[in-house]
């Protein structure tokens, strides 16, 4: 007979949001310990453990169906790895130039062009940006995909990638740190790629 602990885990893996919240509450401390003291001093003004854990919780909700652990200990290790990966993403992005992509800084670009630029970054295709824009596909494709993202992920994409705001501006709008913005953006891009799937689903070589 399954123990109550395993019942809780099985319910969470089966899509029970309340069960997953309970597990996250129980194992948040252990996951936080996995990243404690790993944020370098020069990043601590723009990134905190809380930032990392917020993203880790979102990722846990998005990927709980992929968990293959069958014990709470396994769940705790899984959550710790998610937190560590989220921190790694944040530091990697903070180490790059902290500004909107150069293409979005160019004056005179239309809203449709910003969609094309983002789609080209997410999905490698044989279609040129001008052809995609001419067919009006980029906005339609991305708008359909964006509604499937968690709210924070969707907001970062719209403000940073599509409107071309800086990470500090996006952070102010969201009440999040600059480091959190980069971290959320990285995860949002990963999620969008998964939603978009193969480029062949969206593009053809016909005019």
Protein backbone atom coordinates (compact mmCIF):
# COMPACT_ATOMS: atom_id res chain seq x y z
CA UNK A 1 0.00 0.00 0.00
CA UNK A 2 1.29 3.48 -0.91
CA UNK A 3 2.30 5.70 1.96
CA UNK A 4 0.60 9.09 2.45
CA UNK A 5 3.83 10.70 1.28
CA UNK A 6 3.80 8.77 -1.98
CA UNK A 7 0.09 9.49 -2.39
CA UNK A 8 0.88 13.20 -2.17
CA UNK A 9 3.64 12.87 -4.72
CA UNK A 10 1.50 10.81 -7.07
CA UNK A 11 -1.30 13.35 -6.85
CA UNK A 12 1.12 16.15 -7.65
CA UNK A 13 2.50 14.26 -10.65
CA UNK A 14 -1.06 13.63 -11.75
CA UNK A 15 -1.81 17.34 -11.96
CA UNK A 16 -3.13 18.11 -8.46
CA UNK A 17 -1.95 21.70 -7.97
CA UNK A 18 -2.72 21.72 -4.24
CA UNK A 19 -0.60 18.60 -3.71
CA UNK A 20 2.28 20.18 -5.62
CA UNK A 21 2.01 23.38 -3.57
CA UNK A 22 2.24 21.32 -0.40
CA UNK A 23 5.34 19.54 -1.67
CA UNK A 24 6.95 22.81 -2.70
CA UNK A 25 6.27 24.27 0.72
CA UNK A 26 7.83 21.26 2.42
CA UNK A 27 10.95 21.14 0.22
CA UNK A 28 11.56 24.83 -0.48
CA UNK A 29 14.11 25.01 2.34
CA UNK A 30 16.22 22.22 0.94
CA UNK A 31 16.14 23.68 -2.55
CA UNK A 32 17.07 27.09 -1.20
CA UNK A 33 20.01 25.50 0.64
CA UNK A 34 21.31 24.19 -2.71
CA UNK A 35 21.84 27.76 -3.94
CA UNK A 36 22.74 29.42 -0.65
CA UNK A 37 26.00 31.35 -0.81
CA UNK A 38 26.29 30.65 -4.55
CA UNK A 39 25.30 34.13 -5.68
CA UNK A 40 28.56 36.04 -6.10
CA UNK A 41 28.79 39.31 -4.12
CA UNK A 42 28.87 41.45 -7.29
CA UNK A 43 25.50 40.03 -8.38
CA UNK A 44 23.72 40.27 -5.04
CA UNK A 45 22.43 43.79 -5.75
CA UNK A 46 20.50 42.53 -8.80
CA UNK A 47 19.71 38.92 -7.87
CA UNK A 48 18.47 37.18 -4.72
CA UNK A 49 17.66 33.68 -3.53
CA UNK A 50 13.99 34.66 -3.60
CA UNK A 51 14.27 35.49 -7.32
CA UNK A 52 15.72 32.07 -8.02
CA UNK A 53 13.14 30.23 -5.95
CA UNK A 54 10.23 32.01 -7.61
CA UNK A 55 11.40 30.78 -11.00
CA UNK A 56 12.10 27.31 -9.59
CA UNK A 57 8.50 27.06 -8.37
CA UNK A 58 7.14 28.08 -11.77
CA UNK A 59 9.35 25.52 -13.48
CA UNK A 60 8.20 22.84 -11.06
CA UNK A 61 4.60 23.49 -12.03
CA UNK A 62 5.47 23.42 -15.72
CA UNK A 63 7.48 20.19 -15.58
CA UNK A 64 6.02 18.12 -12.75
CA UNK A 65 4.69 15.65 -15.33
CA UNK A 66 8.31 14.88 -16.28
CA UNK A 67 9.40 13.96 -12.75
CA UNK A 68 10.46 10.31 -12.54
CA UNK A 69 11.19 10.26 -8.79
CA UNK A 70 8.86 8.18 -6.65
CA UNK A 71 9.84 9.51 -3.21
CA UNK A 72 9.78 12.88 -1.53
CA UNK A 73 13.55 12.79 -1.27
CA UNK A 74 13.71 12.43 -5.03
CA UNK A 75 11.31 15.33 -5.44
CA UNK A 76 13.50 17.46 -3.17
CA UNK A 77 16.60 16.69 -5.21
CA UNK A 78 14.72 17.48 -8.41
CA UNK A 79 13.59 20.84 -7.06
CA UNK A 80 17.13 21.61 -5.94
CA UNK A 81 18.44 20.94 -9.45
CA UNK A 82 15.82 23.24 -10.90
CA UNK A 83 16.90 26.02 -8.53
CA UNK A 84 20.57 25.50 -9.39
CA UNK A 85 19.83 25.58 -13.11
CA UNK A 86 17.76 28.73 -12.71
CA UNK A 87 20.64 30.41 -10.87
CA UNK A 88 23.07 29.32 -13.58
CA UNK A 89 20.80 30.88 -16.22
CA UNK A 90 20.59 34.14 -14.31
CA UNK A 91 24.34 34.48 -13.86
CA UNK A 92 24.99 33.58 -17.49
CA UNK A 93 22.63 36.28 -18.72
CA UNK A 94 23.85 38.87 -16.23
CA UNK A 95 27.37 38.28 -17.53
CA UNK A 96 26.30 39.37 -21.00
CA UNK A 97 25.58 42.92 -22.06
CA UNK A 98 22.56 43.97 -20.06
CA UNK A 99 20.48 45.68 -22.70
CA UNK A 100 17.75 44.80 -25.19
CA UNK A 101 18.89 42.91 -28.30
CA UNK A 102 20.56 45.39 -30.73
CA UNK A 103 17.91 44.69 -33.37
CA UNK A 104 15.22 45.99 -31.04
CA UNK A 105 17.16 49.16 -30.31
CA UNK A 106 17.09 50.23 -33.95
CA UNK A 107 14.71 53.12 -34.43
CA UNK A 108 11.86 52.87 -36.89
CA UNK A 109 11.04 49.21 -36.38
CA UNK A 110 7.41 48.28 -36.38
CA UNK A 111 5.66 46.02 -33.91
CA UNK A 112 5.46 43.29 -36.54
CA UNK A 113 9.22 43.45 -37.05
CA UNK A 114 9.87 42.88 -33.35
CA UNK A 115 7.73 39.73 -33.58
CA UNK A 116 9.72 38.55 -36.59
CA UNK A 117 13.02 39.15 -34.80
CA UNK A 118 11.89 37.14 -31.78
CA UNK A 119 10.51 34.32 -33.88
CA UNK A 120 13.73 34.10 -35.87
CA UNK A 121 15.66 33.86 -32.60
CA UNK A 122 13.41 31.11 -31.27
CA UNK A 123 12.87 29.04 -34.40
CA UNK A 124 15.49 28.57 -37.09
CA UNK A 125 13.85 28.48 -40.51
CA UNK A 126 14.68 28.74 -44.19
CA UNK A 127 12.17 31.55 -44.53
CA UNK A 128 13.56 35.05 -44.37
CA UNK A 129 12.20 37.55 -41.84
CA UNK A 130 10.80 39.72 -44.64
CA UNK A 131 8.83 36.80 -46.07
CA UNK A 132 7.44 35.91 -42.67
CA UNK A 133 6.47 39.52 -41.99
CA UNK A 134 4.91 39.87 -45.43
CA UNK A 135 2.63 36.95 -44.73
CA UNK A 136 1.74 38.40 -41.32
CA UNK A 137 2.56 35.10 -39.64
CA UNK A 138 5.00 36.05 -36.90
CA UNK A 139 2.57 38.04 -34.77
CA UNK A 140 -0.18 35.45 -35.14
CA UNK A 141 2.13 32.55 -34.26
CA UNK A 142 3.69 34.23 -31.25
CA UNK A 143 0.46 35.67 -29.87
CA UNK A 144 -1.02 32.17 -29.93
CA UNK A 145 2.03 30.76 -28.13
CA UNK A 146 2.34 33.58 -25.59
CA UNK A 147 -1.07 32.91 -24.06
CA UNK A 148 0.22 29.46 -23.05
CA UNK A 149 3.02 30.93 -20.92
CA UNK A 150 2.84 31.63 -17.19
CA UNK A 151 2.03 35.34 -16.60
CA UNK A 152 5.56 36.37 -15.57
CA UNK A 153 7.08 34.65 -18.60
CA UNK A 154 4.58 36.30 -20.94
CA UNK A 155 5.16 39.74 -19.43
CA UNK A 156 8.94 39.56 -19.80
CA UNK A 157 8.66 38.52 -23.43
CA UNK A 158 6.24 41.32 -24.25
CA UNK A 159 8.17 44.06 -22.44
CA UNK A 160 11.75 43.01 -23.17
CA UNK A 161 11.64 41.24 -26.54
CA UNK A 162 8.66 42.86 -28.22
CA UNK A 163 8.72 46.38 -26.79
CA UNK A 164 12.50 46.56 -26.47
CA UNK A 165 12.59 47.82 -22.89
CA UNK A 166 15.72 47.38 -20.78
CA UNK A 167 15.94 44.73 -18.08
CA UNK A 168 15.91 47.40 -15.39
CA UNK A 169 12.73 48.93 -16.85
CA UNK A 170 11.07 45.53 -17.08
CA UNK A 171 12.08 44.79 -13.51
CA UNK A 172 10.52 48.03 -12.31
CA UNK A 173 7.27 47.21 -14.12
CA UNK A 174 7.13 43.73 -12.62
CA UNK A 175 8.49 44.48 -9.17
CA UNK A 176 11.34 42.06 -9.83
CA UNK A 177 15.12 42.41 -9.81
CA UNK A 178 17.15 42.83 -12.97
CA UNK A 179 18.64 39.38 -12.48
CA UNK A 180 15.17 37.88 -12.20
CA UNK A 181 14.22 39.43 -15.53
CA UNK A 182 17.12 37.72 -17.31
CA UNK A 183 16.40 34.44 -15.58
CA UNK A 184 12.69 34.54 -16.41
CA UNK A 185 13.44 35.50 -20.02
CA UNK A 186 15.73 32.52 -20.51
CA UNK A 187 13.09 30.13 -19.18
CA UNK A 188 10.36 31.87 -21.17
CA UNK A 189 12.34 31.38 -24.37
CA UNK A 190 12.80 27.71 -23.57
CA UNK A 191 9.08 27.33 -22.98
CA UNK A 192 8.21 29.16 -26.20
CA UNK A 193 10.54 26.91 -28.18
CA UNK A 194 8.80 23.87 -26.73
CA UNK A 195 5.40 25.31 -27.63
CA UNK A 196 6.43 26.30 -31.13
CA UNK A 197 8.08 22.98 -31.82
CA UNK A 198 9.49 22.31 -35.24
CA UNK A 199 9.65 25.28 -37.58
CA UNK A 200 8.13 23.12 -40.29
CA UNK A 201 4.82 23.39 -38.47
CA UNK A 202 4.66 27.09 -39.27
CA UNK A 203 6.61 27.85 -42.41
CA UNK A 204 6.50 26.69 -46.00
CA UNK A 205 8.64 27.64 -48.93
CA UNK A 206 5.68 28.82 -50.96
CA UNK A 207 5.24 32.60 -51.31
